[in-house]
Each structure stands twice: as structure tokens, then as C-alpha cells.
mmCIF file of all heavy atoms, coordinates in Angstrom:
data_MODEL
# 
_entry.id   MODEL 
# 
loop_
_atom_site.group_PDB 
_atom_site.id 
_atom_site.type_symbol 
_atom_site.label_atom_id 
_atom_site.label_alt_id 
_atom_site.label_comp_id 
_atom_site.label_asym_id 
_atom_site.label_entity_id 
_atom_site.label_seq_id 
_atom_site.pdbx_PDB_ins_code 
_atom_site.Cartn_x 
_atom_site.Cartn_y 
_atom_site.Cartn_z 
_atom_site.occupancy 
_atom_site.B_iso_or_equiv 
_atom_site.pdbx_formal_charge 
_atom_site.auth_seq_id 
_atom_site.auth_comp_id 
_atom_site.auth_asym_id 
_atom_site.auth_atom_id 
_atom_site.pdbx_PDB_model_num 
ATOM 1   N N   . GLY A 1 1  ? 7.810  23.969 -11.305 1.00 0.00 ? 1  GLY A N   1 
ATOM 2   C CA  . GLY A 1 1  ? 9.259  23.905 -11.199 1.00 0.00 ? 1  GLY A CA  1 
ATOM 3   C C   . GLY A 1 1  ? 9.699  22.526 -10.756 1.00 0.00 ? 1  GLY A C   1 
ATOM 4   O O   . GLY A 1 1  ? 8.899  21.746 -10.220 1.00 0.00 ? 1  GLY A O   1 
ATOM 5   N N   . ARG A 1 2  ? 10.962 22.212 -10.941 1.00 0.00 ? 2  ARG A N   1 
ATOM 6   C CA  . ARG A 1 2  ? 11.456 20.885 -10.559 1.00 0.00 ? 2  ARG A CA  1 
ATOM 7   C C   . ARG A 1 2  ? 11.290 20.618 -9.069  1.00 0.00 ? 2  ARG A C   1 
ATOM 8   O O   . ARG A 1 2  ? 10.898 19.528 -8.660  1.00 0.00 ? 2  ARG A O   1 
ATOM 9   C CB  . ARG A 1 2  ? 12.927 20.736 -10.957 1.00 0.00 ? 2  ARG A CB  1 
ATOM 10  C CG  . ARG A 1 2  ? 13.152 20.503 -12.446 1.00 0.00 ? 2  ARG A CG  1 
ATOM 11  C CD  . ARG A 1 2  ? 14.624 20.319 -12.739 1.00 0.00 ? 2  ARG A CD  1 
ATOM 12  N NE  . ARG A 1 2  ? 15.372 21.512 -12.359 1.00 0.00 ? 2  ARG A NE  1 
ATOM 13  C CZ  . ARG A 1 2  ? 16.684 21.531 -12.125 1.00 0.00 ? 2  ARG A CZ  1 
ATOM 14  N NH1 . ARG A 1 2  ? 17.384 20.418 -12.222 1.00 0.00 ? 2  ARG A NH1 1 
ATOM 15  N NH2 . ARG A 1 2  ? 17.303 22.645 -11.799 1.00 0.00 ? 2  ARG A NH2 1 
ATOM 16  N N   . ASP A 1 3  ? 11.608 21.618 -8.248  1.00 0.00 ? 3  ASP A N   1 
ATOM 17  C CA  . ASP A 1 3  ? 11.489 21.430 -6.795  1.00 0.00 ? 3  ASP A CA  1 
ATOM 18  C C   . ASP A 1 3  ? 10.032 21.212 -6.389  1.00 0.00 ? 3  ASP A C   1 
ATOM 19  O O   . ASP A 1 3  ? 9.746  20.402 -5.499  1.00 0.00 ? 3  ASP A O   1 
ATOM 20  C CB  . ASP A 1 3  ? 12.060 22.643 -6.047  1.00 0.00 ? 3  ASP A CB  1 
ATOM 21  C CG  . ASP A 1 3  ? 13.577 22.704 -6.132  1.00 0.00 ? 3  ASP A CG  1 
ATOM 22  O OD1 . ASP A 1 3  ? 14.192 21.672 -6.456  1.00 0.00 ? 3  ASP A OD1 1 
ATOM 23  O OD2 . ASP A 1 3  ? 14.145 23.792 -5.888  1.00 0.00 ? 3  ASP A OD2 1 
ATOM 24  N N   . GLU A 1 4  ? 9.129  21.925 -7.034  1.00 0.00 ? 4  GLU A N   1 
ATOM 25  C CA  . GLU A 1 4  ? 7.701  21.746 -6.744  1.00 0.00 ? 4  GLU A CA  1 
ATOM 26  C C   . GLU A 1 4  ? 7.248  20.335 -7.127  1.00 0.00 ? 4  GLU A C   1 
ATOM 27  O O   . GLU A 1 4  ? 6.507  19.682 -6.382  1.00 0.00 ? 4  GLU A O   1 
ATOM 28  C CB  . GLU A 1 4  ? 6.874  22.763 -7.519  1.00 0.00 ? 4  GLU A CB  1 
ATOM 29  C CG  . GLU A 1 4  ? 7.000  24.188 -7.025  1.00 0.00 ? 4  GLU A CG  1 
ATOM 30  C CD  . GLU A 1 4  ? 6.190  25.148 -7.872  1.00 0.00 ? 4  GLU A CD  1 
ATOM 31  O OE1 . GLU A 1 4  ? 6.381  25.185 -9.100  1.00 0.00 ? 4  GLU A OE1 1 
ATOM 32  O OE2 . GLU A 1 4  ? 5.336  25.855 -7.298  1.00 0.00 ? 4  GLU A OE2 1 
ATOM 33  N N   . LEU A 1 5  ? 7.690  19.882 -8.278  1.00 0.00 ? 5  LEU A N   1 
ATOM 34  C CA  . LEU A 1 5  ? 7.334  18.535 -8.731  1.00 0.00 ? 5  LEU A CA  1 
ATOM 35  C C   . LEU A 1 5  ? 7.887  17.470 -7.780  1.00 0.00 ? 5  LEU A C   1 
ATOM 36  O O   . LEU A 1 5  ? 7.212  16.489 -7.472  1.00 0.00 ? 5  LEU A O   1 
ATOM 37  C CB  . LEU A 1 5  ? 7.861  18.295 -10.146 1.00 0.00 ? 5  LEU A CB  1 
ATOM 38  C CG  . LEU A 1 5  ? 7.179  19.085 -11.265 1.00 0.00 ? 5  LEU A CG  1 
ATOM 39  C CD1 . LEU A 1 5  ? 7.954  18.941 -12.563 1.00 0.00 ? 5  LEU A CD1 1 
ATOM 40  C CD2 . LEU A 1 5  ? 5.733  18.618 -11.458 1.00 0.00 ? 5  LEU A CD2 1 
ATOM 41  N N   . LYS A 1 6  ? 9.113  17.695 -7.318  1.00 0.00 ? 6  LYS A N   1 
ATOM 42  C CA  . LYS A 1 6  ? 9.727  16.748 -6.387  1.00 0.00 ? 6  LYS A CA  1 
ATOM 43  C C   . LYS A 1 6  ? 8.932  16.666 -5.090  1.00 0.00 ? 6  LYS A C   1 
ATOM 44  O O   . LYS A 1 6  ? 8.672  15.575 -4.573  1.00 0.00 ? 6  LYS A O   1 
ATOM 45  C CB  . LYS A 1 6  ? 11.172 17.163 -6.084  1.00 0.00 ? 6  LYS A CB  1 
ATOM 46  C CG  . LYS A 1 6  ? 12.150 16.914 -7.216  1.00 0.00 ? 6  LYS A CG  1 
ATOM 47  C CD  . LYS A 1 6  ? 13.541 17.426 -6.852  1.00 0.00 ? 6  LYS A CD  1 
ATOM 48  C CE  . LYS A 1 6  ? 14.512 17.253 -7.996  1.00 0.00 ? 6  LYS A CE  1 
ATOM 49  N NZ  . LYS A 1 6  ? 15.851 17.815 -7.666  1.00 0.00 ? 6  LYS A NZ  1 
ATOM 50  N N   . GLN A 1 7  ? 8.550  17.822 -4.542  1.00 0.00 ? 7  GLN A N   1 
ATOM 51  C CA  . GLN A 1 7  ? 7.779  17.840 -3.296  1.00 0.00 ? 7  GLN A CA  1 
ATOM 52  C C   . GLN A 1 7  ? 6.409  17.194 -3.469  1.00 0.00 ? 7  GLN A C   1 
ATOM 53  O O   . GLN A 1 7  ? 5.936  16.456 -2.599  1.00 0.00 ? 7  GLN A O   1 
ATOM 54  C CB  . GLN A 1 7  ? 7.626  19.287 -2.803  1.00 0.00 ? 7  GLN A CB  1 
ATOM 55  C CG  . GLN A 1 7  ? 8.914  19.920 -2.307  1.00 0.00 ? 7  GLN A CG  1 
ATOM 56  C CD  . GLN A 1 7  ? 9.558  19.123 -1.178  1.00 0.00 ? 7  GLN A CD  1 
ATOM 57  O OE1 . GLN A 1 7  ? 8.888  18.687 -0.233  1.00 0.00 ? 7  GLN A OE1 1 
ATOM 58  N NE2 . GLN A 1 7  ? 10.857 18.915 -1.282  1.00 0.00 ? 7  GLN A NE2 1 
ATOM 59  N N   . LEU A 1 8  ? 5.775  17.476 -4.602  1.00 0.00 ? 8  LEU A N   1 
ATOM 60  C CA  . LEU A 1 8  ? 4.468  16.881 -4.874  1.00 0.00 ? 8  LEU A CA  1 
ATOM 61  C C   . LEU A 1 8  ? 4.582  15.375 -5.011  1.00 0.00 ? 8  LEU A C   1 
ATOM 62  O O   . LEU A 1 8  ? 3.721  14.623 -4.530  1.00 0.00 ? 8  LEU A O   1 
ATOM 63  C CB  . LEU A 1 8  ? 3.883  17.494 -6.150  1.00 0.00 ? 8  LEU A CB  1 
ATOM 64  C CG  . LEU A 1 8  ? 2.461  17.055 -6.538  1.00 0.00 ? 8  LEU A CG  1 
ATOM 65  C CD1 . LEU A 1 8  ? 1.475  17.341 -5.415  1.00 0.00 ? 8  LEU A CD1 1 
ATOM 66  C CD2 . LEU A 1 8  ? 2.018  17.760 -7.817  1.00 0.00 ? 8  LEU A CD2 1 
ATOM 67  N N   . LEU A 1 9  ? 5.653  14.910 -5.649  1.00 0.00 ? 9  LEU A N   1 
ATOM 68  C CA  . LEU A 1 9  ? 5.873  13.478 -5.819  1.00 0.00 ? 9  LEU A CA  1 
ATOM 69  C C   . LEU A 1 9  ? 6.118  12.797 -4.476  1.00 0.00 ? 9  LEU A C   1 
ATOM 70  O O   . LEU A 1 9  ? 5.574  11.724 -4.206  1.00 0.00 ? 9  LEU A O   1 
ATOM 71  C CB  . LEU A 1 9  ? 7.056  13.240 -6.754  1.00 0.00 ? 9  LEU A CB  1 
ATOM 72  C CG  . LEU A 1 9  ? 7.416  11.773 -7.039  1.00 0.00 ? 9  LEU A CG  1 
ATOM 73  C CD1 . LEU A 1 9  ? 6.227  11.025 -7.633  1.00 0.00 ? 9  LEU A CD1 1 
ATOM 74  C CD2 . LEU A 1 9  ? 8.610  11.697 -7.985  1.00 0.00 ? 9  LEU A CD2 1 
ATOM 75  N N   . ILE A 1 10 ? 6.901  13.432 -3.612  1.00 0.00 ? 10 ILE A N   1 
ATOM 76  C CA  . ILE A 1 10 ? 7.169  12.883 -2.277  1.00 0.00 ? 10 ILE A CA  1 
ATOM 77  C C   . ILE A 1 10 ? 5.872  12.746 -1.488  1.00 0.00 ? 10 ILE A C   1 
ATOM 78  O O   . ILE A 1 10 ? 5.603  11.713 -0.869  1.00 0.00 ? 10 ILE A O   1 
ATOM 79  C CB  . ILE A 1 10 ? 8.172  13.776 -1.511  1.00 0.00 ? 10 ILE A CB  1 
ATOM 80  C CG1 . ILE A 1 10 ? 9.562  13.659 -2.132  1.00 0.00 ? 10 ILE A CG1 1 
ATOM 81  C CG2 . ILE A 1 10 ? 8.222  13.393 -0.028  1.00 0.00 ? 10 ILE A CG2 1 
ATOM 82  C CD1 . ILE A 1 10 ? 10.560 14.677 -1.603  1.00 0.00 ? 10 ILE A CD1 1 
ATOM 83  N N   . ALA A 1 11 ? 5.051  13.803 -1.510  1.00 0.00 ? 11 ALA A N   1 
ATOM 84  C CA  . ALA A 1 11 ? 3.778  13.794 -0.780  1.00 0.00 ? 11 ALA A CA  1 
ATOM 85  C C   . ALA A 1 11 ? 2.831  12.743 -1.345  1.00 0.00 ? 11 ALA A C   1 
ATOM 86  O O   . ALA A 1 11 ? 2.158  12.025 -0.585  1.00 0.00 ? 11 ALA A O   1 
ATOM 87  C CB  . ALA A 1 11 ? 3.132  15.175 -0.843  1.00 0.00 ? 11 ALA A CB  1 
ATOM 88  N N   . SER A 1 12 ? 2.782  12.622 -2.666  1.00 0.00 ? 12 SER A N   1 
ATOM 89  C CA  . SER A 1 12 ? 1.886  11.650 -3.314  1.00 0.00 ? 12 SER A CA  1 
ATOM 90  C C   . SER A 1 12 ? 2.322  10.220 -3.011  1.00 0.00 ? 12 SER A C   1 
ATOM 91  O O   . SER A 1 12 ? 1.495  9.347  -2.767  1.00 0.00 ? 12 SER A O   1 
ATOM 92  C CB  . SER A 1 12 ? 1.859  11.878 -4.824  1.00 0.00 ? 12 SER A CB  1 
ATOM 93  O OG  . SER A 1 12 ? 1.340  13.144 -5.137  1.00 0.00 ? 12 SER A OG  1 
ATOM 94  N N   . ARG A 1 13 ? 3.627  9.979  -3.025  1.00 0.00 ? 13 ARG A N   1 
ATOM 95  C CA  . ARG A 1 13 ? 4.140  8.638  -2.711  1.00 0.00 ? 13 ARG A CA  1 
ATOM 96  C C   . ARG A 1 13 ? 3.825  8.245  -1.275  1.00 0.00 ? 13 ARG A C   1 
ATOM 97  O O   . ARG A 1 13 ? 3.511  7.086  -1.000  1.00 0.00 ? 13 ARG A O   1 
ATOM 98  C CB  . ARG A 1 13 ? 5.653  8.595  -2.938  1.00 0.00 ? 13 ARG A CB  1 
ATOM 99  C CG  . ARG A 1 13 ? 6.066  8.423  -4.394  1.00 0.00 ? 13 ARG A CG  1 
ATOM 100 C CD  . ARG A 1 13 ? 7.567  8.462  -4.524  1.00 0.00 ? 13 ARG A CD  1 
ATOM 101 N NE  . ARG A 1 13 ? 8.007  8.149  -5.867  1.00 0.00 ? 13 ARG A NE  1 
ATOM 102 C CZ  . ARG A 1 13 ? 9.246  8.350  -6.306  1.00 0.00 ? 13 ARG A CZ  1 
ATOM 103 N NH1 . ARG A 1 13 ? 10.149 8.886  -5.490  1.00 0.00 ? 13 ARG A NH1 1 
ATOM 104 N NH2 . ARG A 1 13 ? 9.577  8.022  -7.539  1.00 0.00 ? 13 ARG A NH2 1 
ATOM 105 N N   . GLU A 1 14 ? 3.896  9.206  -0.363  1.00 0.00 ? 14 GLU A N   1 
ATOM 106 C CA  . GLU A 1 14 ? 3.602  8.926  1.040   1.00 0.00 ? 14 GLU A CA  1 
ATOM 107 C C   . GLU A 1 14 ? 2.124  8.573  1.213   1.00 0.00 ? 14 GLU A C   1 
ATOM 108 O O   . GLU A 1 14 ? 1.786  7.620  1.932   1.00 0.00 ? 14 GLU A O   1 
ATOM 109 C CB  . GLU A 1 14 ? 3.960  10.140 1.903   1.00 0.00 ? 14 GLU A CB  1 
ATOM 110 C CG  . GLU A 1 14 ? 3.687  9.967  3.387   1.00 0.00 ? 14 GLU A CG  1 
ATOM 111 C CD  . GLU A 1 14 ? 4.452  8.816  4.027   1.00 0.00 ? 14 GLU A CD  1 
ATOM 112 O OE1 . GLU A 1 14 ? 5.487  8.397  3.466   1.00 0.00 ? 14 GLU A OE1 1 
ATOM 113 O OE2 . GLU A 1 14 ? 4.004  8.323  5.080   1.00 0.00 ? 14 GLU A OE2 1 
ATOM 114 N N   . LYS A 1 15 ? 1.241  9.313  0.543   1.00 0.00 ? 15 LYS A N   1 
ATOM 115 C CA  . LYS A 1 15 ? -0.189 9.002  0.596   1.00 0.00 ? 15 LYS A CA  1 
ATOM 116 C C   . LYS A 1 15 ? -0.458 7.608  0.028   1.00 0.00 ? 15 LYS A C   1 
ATOM 117 O O   . LYS A 1 15 ? -1.241 6.842  0.574   1.00 0.00 ? 15 LYS A O   1 
ATOM 118 C CB  . LYS A 1 15 ? -0.988 10.049 -0.185  1.00 0.00 ? 15 LYS A CB  1 
ATOM 119 C CG  . LYS A 1 15 ? -1.024 11.418 0.453   1.00 0.00 ? 15 LYS A CG  1 
ATOM 120 C CD  . LYS A 1 15 ? -1.775 12.413 -0.434  1.00 0.00 ? 15 LYS A CD  1 
ATOM 121 C CE  . LYS A 1 15 ? -1.754 13.808 0.157   1.00 0.00 ? 15 LYS A CE  1 
ATOM 122 N NZ  . LYS A 1 15 ? -2.425 14.795 -0.731  1.00 0.00 ? 15 LYS A NZ  1 
ATOM 123 N N   . LEU A 1 16 ? 0.201  7.311  -1.083  1.00 0.00 ? 16 LEU A N   1 
ATOM 124 C CA  . LEU A 1 16 ? 0.012  6.009  -1.714  1.00 0.00 ? 16 LEU A CA  1 
ATOM 125 C C   . LEU A 1 16 ? 0.520  4.893  -0.820  1.00 0.00 ? 16 LEU A C   1 
ATOM 126 O O   . LEU A 1 16 ? -0.111 3.837  -0.712  1.00 0.00 ? 16 LEU A O   1 
ATOM 127 C CB  . LEU A 1 16 ? 0.733  5.977  -3.064  1.00 0.00 ? 16 LEU A CB  1 
ATOM 128 C CG  . LEU A 1 16 ? 0.640  4.662  -3.847  1.00 0.00 ? 16 LEU A CG  1 
ATOM 129 C CD1 . LEU A 1 16 ? -0.814 4.317  -4.161  1.00 0.00 ? 16 LEU A CD1 1 
ATOM 130 C CD2 . LEU A 1 16 ? 1.447  4.755  -5.144  1.00 0.00 ? 16 LEU A CD2 1 
ATOM 131 N N   . ARG A 1 17 ? 1.654  5.115  -0.161  1.00 0.00 ? 17 ARG A N   1 
ATOM 132 C CA  . ARG A 1 17 ? 2.212  4.104  0.731   1.00 0.00 ? 17 ARG A CA  1 
ATOM 133 C C   . ARG A 1 17 ? 1.243  3.771  1.862   1.00 0.00 ? 17 ARG A C   1 
ATOM 134 O O   . ARG A 1 17 ? 1.037  2.600  2.197   1.00 0.00 ? 17 ARG A O   1 
ATOM 135 C CB  . ARG A 1 17 ? 3.538  4.610  1.325   1.00 0.00 ? 17 ARG A CB  1 
ATOM 136 C CG  . ARG A 1 17 ? 4.263  3.577  2.190   1.00 0.00 ? 17 ARG A CG  1 
ATOM 137 C CD  . ARG A 1 17 ? 5.477  4.202  2.857   1.00 0.00 ? 17 ARG A CD  1 
ATOM 138 N NE  . ARG A 1 17 ? 5.110  5.241  3.797   1.00 0.00 ? 17 ARG A NE  1 
ATOM 139 C CZ  . ARG A 1 17 ? 4.693  5.015  5.036   1.00 0.00 ? 17 ARG A CZ  1 
ATOM 140 N NH1 . ARG A 1 17 ? 4.564  3.768  5.487   1.00 0.00 ? 17 ARG A NH1 1 
ATOM 141 N NH2 . ARG A 1 17 ? 4.380  6.016  5.830   1.00 0.00 ? 17 ARG A NH2 1 
ATOM 142 N N   . ILE A 1 18 ? 0.612  4.803  2.423   1.00 0.00 ? 18 ILE A N   1 
ATOM 143 C CA  . ILE A 1 18 ? -0.343 4.595  3.522   1.00 0.00 ? 18 ILE A CA  1 
ATOM 144 C C   . ILE A 1 18 ? -1.560 3.807  3.027   1.00 0.00 ? 18 ILE A C   1 
ATOM 145 O O   . ILE A 1 18 ? -2.023 2.873  3.683   1.00 0.00 ? 18 ILE A O   1 
ATOM 146 C CB  . ILE A 1 18 ? -0.779 5.954  4.108   1.00 0.00 ? 18 ILE A CB  1 
ATOM 147 C CG1 . ILE A 1 18 ? 0.408  6.627  4.799   1.00 0.00 ? 18 ILE A CG1 1 
ATOM 148 C CG2 . ILE A 1 18 ? -1.938 5.774  5.080   1.00 0.00 ? 18 ILE A CG2 1 
ATOM 149 C CD1 . ILE A 1 18 ? 0.146  8.059  5.229   1.00 0.00 ? 18 ILE A CD1 1 
ATOM 150 N N   . ILE A 1 19 ? -2.072 4.176  1.853   1.00 0.00 ? 19 ILE A N   1 
ATOM 151 C CA  . ILE A 1 19 ? -3.239 3.487  1.304   1.00 0.00 ? 19 ILE A CA  1 
ATOM 152 C C   . ILE A 1 19 ? -2.907 2.042  0.947   1.00 0.00 ? 19 ILE A C   1 
ATOM 153 O O   . ILE A 1 19 ? -3.696 1.128  1.210   1.00 0.00 ? 19 ILE A O   1 
ATOM 154 C CB  . ILE A 1 19 ? -3.765 4.235  0.056   1.00 0.00 ? 19 ILE A CB  1 
ATOM 155 C CG1 . ILE A 1 19 ? -4.400 5.560  0.485   1.00 0.00 ? 19 ILE A CG1 1 
ATOM 156 C CG2 . ILE A 1 19 ? -4.788 3.392  -0.705  1.00 0.00 ? 19 ILE A CG2 1 
ATOM 157 C CD1 . ILE A 1 19 ? -4.863 6.419  -0.658  1.00 0.00 ? 19 ILE A CD1 1 
ATOM 158 N N   . GLU A 1 20 ? -1.726 1.813  0.386   1.00 0.00 ? 20 GLU A N   1 
ATOM 159 C CA  . GLU A 1 20 ? -1.321 0.450  0.041   1.00 0.00 ? 20 GLU A CA  1 
ATOM 160 C C   . GLU A 1 20 ? -1.195 -0.416 1.282   1.00 0.00 ? 20 GLU A C   1 
ATOM 161 O O   . GLU A 1 20 ? -1.571 -1.590 1.272   1.00 0.00 ? 20 GLU A O   1 
ATOM 162 C CB  . GLU A 1 20 ? -0.006 0.479  -0.736  1.00 0.00 ? 20 GLU A CB  1 
ATOM 163 C CG  . GLU A 1 20 ? -0.150 0.952  -2.169  1.00 0.00 ? 20 GLU A CG  1 
ATOM 164 C CD  . GLU A 1 20 ? 1.175  1.029  -2.902  1.00 0.00 ? 20 GLU A CD  1 
ATOM 165 O OE1 . GLU A 1 20 ? 2.216  1.232  -2.234  1.00 0.00 ? 20 GLU A OE1 1 
ATOM 166 O OE2 . GLU A 1 20 ? 1.185  0.899  -4.129  1.00 0.00 ? 20 GLU A OE2 1 
ATOM 167 N N   . GLN A 1 21 ? -0.667 0.160  2.366   1.00 0.00 ? 21 GLN A N   1 
ATOM 168 C CA  . GLN A 1 21 ? -0.536 -0.583 3.616   1.00 0.00 ? 21 GLN A CA  1 
ATOM 169 C C   . GLN A 1 21 ? -1.911 -0.963 4.170   1.00 0.00 ? 21 GLN A C   1 
ATOM 170 O O   . GLN A 1 21 ? -2.141 -2.107 4.584   1.00 0.00 ? 21 GLN A O   1 
ATOM 171 C CB  . GLN A 1 21 ? 0.220  0.247  4.647   1.00 0.00 ? 21 GLN A CB  1 
ATOM 172 C CG  . GLN A 1 21 ? 1.727  0.324  4.399   1.00 0.00 ? 21 GLN A CG  1 
ATOM 173 C CD  . GLN A 1 21 ? 2.443  1.129  5.454   1.00 0.00 ? 21 GLN A CD  1 
ATOM 174 O OE1 . GLN A 1 21 ? 1.827  1.931  6.191   1.00 0.00 ? 21 GLN A OE1 1 
ATOM 175 N NE2 . GLN A 1 21 ? 3.741  0.973  5.546   1.00 0.00 ? 21 GLN A NE2 1 
ATOM 176 N N   . LYS A 1 22 ? -2.850 -0.012 4.164   1.00 0.00 ? 22 LYS A N   1 
ATOM 177 C CA  . LYS A 1 22 ? -4.202 -0.290 4.648   1.00 0.00 ? 22 LYS A CA  1 
ATOM 178 C C   . LYS A 1 22 ? -4.875 -1.322 3.761   1.00 0.00 ? 22 LYS A C   1 
ATOM 179 O O   . LYS A 1 22 ? -5.555 -2.238 4.230   1.00 0.00 ? 22 LYS A O   1 
ATOM 180 C CB  . LYS A 1 22 ? -5.032 1.003  4.660   1.00 0.00 ? 22 LYS A CB  1 
ATOM 181 C CG  . LYS A 1 22 ? -4.617 1.996  5.724   1.00 0.00 ? 22 LYS A CG  1 
ATOM 182 C CD  . LYS A 1 22 ? -5.506 3.222  5.698   1.00 0.00 ? 22 LYS A CD  1 
ATOM 183 C CE  . LYS A 1 22 ? -5.139 4.202  6.790   1.00 0.00 ? 22 LYS A CE  1 
ATOM 184 N NZ  . LYS A 1 22 ? -5.997 5.420  6.767   1.00 0.00 ? 22 LYS A NZ  1 
ATOM 185 N N   . PHE A 1 23 ? -4.665 -1.172 2.450   1.00 0.00 ? 23 PHE A N   1 
ATOM 186 C CA  . PHE A 1 23 ? -5.289 -2.075 1.503   1.00 0.00 ? 23 PHE A CA  1 
ATOM 187 C C   . PHE A 1 23 ? -4.760 -3.498 1.684   1.00 0.00 ? 23 PHE A C   1 
ATOM 188 O O   . PHE A 1 23 ? -5.518 -4.454 1.681   1.00 0.00 ? 23 PHE A O   1 
ATOM 189 C CB  . PHE A 1 23 ? -5.011 -1.594 0.072   1.00 0.00 ? 23 PHE A CB  1 
ATOM 190 C CG  . PHE A 1 23 ? -5.847 -2.279 -0.966  1.00 0.00 ? 23 PHE A CG  1 
ATOM 191 C CD1 . PHE A 1 23 ? -7.121 -1.831 -1.266  1.00 0.00 ? 23 PHE A CD1 1 
ATOM 192 C CD2 . PHE A 1 23 ? -5.359 -3.379 -1.641  1.00 0.00 ? 23 PHE A CD2 1 
ATOM 193 C CE1 . PHE A 1 23 ? -7.888 -2.466 -2.217  1.00 0.00 ? 23 PHE A CE1 1 
ATOM 194 C CE2 . PHE A 1 23 ? -6.126 -4.024 -2.605  1.00 0.00 ? 23 PHE A CE2 1 
ATOM 195 C CZ  . PHE A 1 23 ? -7.392 -3.562 -2.887  1.00 0.00 ? 23 PHE A CZ  1 
ATOM 196 N N   . ASN A 1 24 ? -3.440 -3.637 1.859   1.00 0.00 ? 24 ASN A N   1 
ATOM 197 C CA  . ASN A 1 24 ? -2.829 -4.950 2.050   1.00 0.00 ? 24 ASN A CA  1 
ATOM 198 C C   . ASN A 1 24 ? -3.313 -5.600 3.335   1.00 0.00 ? 24 ASN A C   1 
ATOM 199 O O   . ASN A 1 24 ? -3.521 -6.806 3.424   1.00 0.00 ? 24 ASN A O   1 
ATOM 200 C CB  . ASN A 1 24 ? -1.311 -4.843 2.053   1.00 0.00 ? 24 ASN A CB  1 
ATOM 201 C CG  . ASN A 1 24 ? -0.734 -4.495 0.695   1.00 0.00 ? 24 ASN A CG  1 
ATOM 202 O OD1 . ASN A 1 24 ? -1.358 -4.764 -0.327  1.00 0.00 ? 24 ASN A OD1 1 
ATOM 203 N ND2 . ASN A 1 24 ? 0.446  -3.898 0.672   1.00 0.00 ? 24 ASN A ND2 1 
ATOM 204 N N   . THR A 1 25 ? -3.494 -4.768 4.388   1.00 0.00 ? 25 THR A N   1 
ATOM 205 C CA  . THR A 1 25 ? -3.997 -5.276 5.657   1.00 0.00 ? 25 THR A CA  1 
ATOM 206 C C   . THR A 1 25 ? -5.436 -5.767 5.521   1.00 0.00 ? 25 THR A C   1 
ATOM 207 O O   . THR A 1 25 ? -5.806 -6.808 6.050   1.00 0.00 ? 25 THR A O   1 
ATOM 208 C CB  . THR A 1 25 ? -3.935 -4.167 6.735   1.00 0.00 ? 25 THR A CB  1 
ATOM 209 O OG1 . THR A 1 25 ? -2.583 -3.738 6.886   1.00 0.00 ? 25 THR A OG1 1 
ATOM 210 C CG2 . THR A 1 25 ? -4.445 -4.690 8.070   1.00 0.00 ? 25 THR A CG2 1 
# 
């Protein structure tokens, strides 16, 4: 469903943001 996709996208973006920050450091 759209709401499920939105929640999954939010969670995935947050994981990616954390990994990108660690990677940049």
C-alpha cells in the first residue's frame, strides 16, 4: 500500500543517512 511504501522509504532513507555519515567520516 502507499502508506506502507512511505514508511519503508522513510526507514530506508534513515538507515542510508546513518551509513553515509559514517562513510564520510
